[in-house]
Amino acid sequence: MNTNDIIRDFITGDILHDSLKSPLKDEDLLVESGIIDSLGIMTLLSFIEENFSIQIPSEELMPENFASISTISGLIERQKKN
């Protein structure tokens, strides 16, 4: 399973509790469209740090890094390289 799939599964299953009517796409705007809120981002952040064994520095906690599954995946990949 790739990073995007792991993130998608977590958001749909643990944050949204499978309440979406259509599948979540990599480029769907998560916060802007109301799919996740600030509490959802914090839950997602904890999952990312635990699941991928990385620490997201505070300077990376910007809305644009959590805009979509693709941007979150990019953030994870950058942190894995550090």
C-alpha atoms as a PDB file:
ATOM      1  CA  MET A   1       0.000   0.000   0.000  1.00  0.00           C
ATOM      2  CA  ASN A   2       1.460   3.405  -0.929  1.00  0.00           C
ATOM      3  CA  THR A   3       1.492   6.540   1.227  1.00  0.00           C
ATOM      4  CA  ASN A   4      -1.554   8.070  -0.469  1.00  0.00           C
ATOM      5  CA  ASP A   5      -3.598   4.911   0.131  1.00  0.00           C
ATOM      6  CA  ILE A   6      -2.565   4.757   3.798  1.00  0.00           C
ATOM      7  CA  ILE A   7      -3.572   8.394   4.333  1.00  0.00           C
ATOM      8  CA  ARG A   8      -6.853   7.950   2.418  1.00  0.00           C
ATOM      9  CA  ASP A   9      -7.773   4.848   4.423  1.00  0.00           C
ATOM     10  CA  PHE A  10      -7.069   6.613   7.710  1.00  0.00           C
ATOM     11  CA  ILE A  11      -9.061   9.732   6.809  1.00  0.00           C
ATOM     12  CA  THR A  12     -12.069   7.824   5.504  1.00  0.00           C
ATOM     13  CA  GLY A  13     -12.087   5.170   8.228  1.00  0.00           C
ATOM     14  CA  ASP A  14     -10.871   6.892  11.396  1.00  0.00           C
ATOM     15  CA  ILE A  15     -11.717  10.550  10.896  1.00  0.00           C
ATOM     16  CA  LEU A  16     -14.829  10.342   8.722  1.00  0.00           C
ATOM     17  CA  HIS A  17     -15.953   6.904   9.917  1.00  0.00           C
ATOM     18  CA  ASP A  18     -16.754   5.903   6.325  1.00  0.00           C
ATOM     19  CA  SER A  19     -19.372   8.669   5.962  1.00  0.00           C
ATOM     20  CA  LEU A  20     -18.249   9.909   2.522  1.00  0.00           C
ATOM     21  CA  LYS A  21     -20.652   9.194  -0.292  1.00  0.00           C
ATOM     22  CA  SER A  22     -17.945   9.185  -3.001  1.00  0.00           C
ATOM     23  CA  PRO A  23     -14.324   8.018  -2.887  1.00  0.00           C
ATOM     24  CA  LEU A  24     -11.734  10.492  -1.666  1.00  0.00           C
ATOM     25  CA  LYS A  25      -9.333  11.492  -4.452  1.00  0.00           C
ATOM     26  CA  ASP A  26      -5.676  12.483  -4.048  1.00  0.00           C
ATOM     27  CA  GLU A  27      -6.347  16.094  -5.058  1.00  0.00           C
ATOM     28  CA  ASP A  28      -9.594  16.685  -3.120  1.00  0.00           C
ATOM     29  CA  LEU A  29      -9.245  19.775  -0.921  1.00  0.00           C
ATOM     30  CA  LEU A  30      -9.625  18.378   2.582  1.00  0.00           C
ATOM     31  CA  VAL A  31      -9.940  21.473   4.769  1.00  0.00           C
ATOM     32  CA  GLU A  32     -11.383  23.860   2.174  1.00  0.00           C
ATOM     33  CA  SER A  33     -14.212  21.478   1.345  1.00  0.00           C
ATOM     34  CA  GLY A  34     -14.901  20.651   4.997  1.00  0.00           C
ATOM     35  CA  ILE A  35     -13.797  17.021   4.746  1.00  0.00           C
ATOM     36  CA  ILE A  36     -11.549  17.485   7.786  1.00  0.00           C
ATOM     37  CA  ASP A  37     -11.325  20.247  10.391  1.00  0.00           C
ATOM     38  CA  SER A  38      -8.581  21.349  12.793  1.00  0.00           C
ATOM     39  CA  LEU A  39      -9.282  18.451  15.151  1.00  0.00           C
ATOM     40  CA  GLY A  40      -9.078  16.080  12.194  1.00  0.00           C
ATOM     41  CA  ILE A  41      -5.711  17.555  11.235  1.00  0.00           C
ATOM     42  CA  MET A  42      -4.379  16.989  14.751  1.00  0.00           C
ATOM     43  CA  THR A  43      -5.655  13.402  14.684  1.00  0.00           C
ATOM     44  CA  LEU A  44      -4.072  12.920  11.267  1.00  0.00           C
ATOM     45  CA  LEU A  45      -0.800  14.454  12.471  1.00  0.00           C
ATOM     46  CA  SER A  46      -0.594  11.987  15.369  1.00  0.00           C
ATOM     47  CA  PHE A  47      -1.301   9.107  13.000  1.00  0.00           C
ATOM     48  CA  ILE A  48       1.362  10.268  10.534  1.00  0.00           C
ATOM     49  CA  GLU A  49       4.038  10.669  13.189  1.00  0.00           C
ATOM     50  CA  GLU A  50       3.245   7.284  14.696  1.00  0.00           C
ATOM     51  CA  ASN A  51       2.674   5.305  11.508  1.00  0.00           C
ATOM     52  CA  PHE A  52       5.601   6.717   9.511  1.00  0.00           C
ATOM     53  CA  SER A  53       7.986   7.133  12.495  1.00  0.00           C
ATOM     54  CA  ILE A  54       8.672  10.795  11.726  1.00  0.00           C
ATOM     55  CA  GLN A  55       8.312  14.100  13.559  1.00  0.00           C
ATOM     56  CA  ILE A  56       6.657  16.946  11.688  1.00  0.00           C
ATOM     57  CA  PRO A  57       8.453  20.168  12.706  1.00  0.00           C
ATOM     58  CA  SER A  58       6.260  23.080  13.755  1.00  0.00           C
ATOM     59  CA  GLU A  59       7.360  25.147  10.740  1.00  0.00           C
ATOM     60  CA  GLU A  60       5.754  22.486   8.489  1.00  0.00           C
ATOM     61  CA  LEU A  61       2.367  22.745  10.245  1.00  0.00           C
ATOM     62  CA  MET A  62       0.905  24.996   7.565  1.00  0.00           C
ATOM     63  CA  PRO A  63      -2.535  24.576   5.982  1.00  0.00           C
ATOM     64  CA  GLU A  64      -1.047  24.120   2.529  1.00  0.00           C
ATOM     65  CA  ASN A  65       0.822  20.990   3.716  1.00  0.00           C
ATOM     66  CA  PHE A  66      -2.519  19.415   4.695  1.00  0.00           C
ATOM     67  CA  ALA A  67      -4.579  20.656   1.732  1.00  0.00           C
ATOM     68  CA  SER A  68      -4.949  17.259   0.026  1.00  0.00           C
ATOM     69  CA  ILE A  69      -3.801  13.668   0.231  1.00  0.00           C
ATOM     70  CA  SER A  70      -1.086  14.492  -2.309  1.00  0.00           C
ATOM     71  CA  THR A  71       0.309  17.408  -0.296  1.00  0.00           C
ATOM     72  CA  ILE A  72       0.261  15.356   2.910  1.00  0.00           C
ATOM     73  CA  SER A  73       2.087  12.553   1.132  1.00  0.00           C
ATOM     74  CA  GLY A  74       4.693  15.052  -0.097  1.00  0.00           C
ATOM     75  CA  LEU A  75       5.182  16.316   3.451  1.00  0.00           C
ATOM     76  CA  ILE A  76       5.724  12.763   4.694  1.00  0.00           C
ATOM     77  CA  GLU A  77       8.225  11.985   1.946  1.00  0.00           C
ATOM     78  CA  ARG A  78      10.209  15.172   2.691  1.00  0.00           C
ATOM     79  CA  GLN A  79      10.356  14.332   6.391  1.00  0.00           C
ATOM     80  CA  LYS A  80      11.434  10.742   5.732  1.00  0.00           C
ATOM     81  CA  LYS A  81      14.457  12.083   3.832  1.00  0.00           C
ATOM     82  CA  ASN A  82      15.545  14.269   6.769  1.00  0.00           C
END
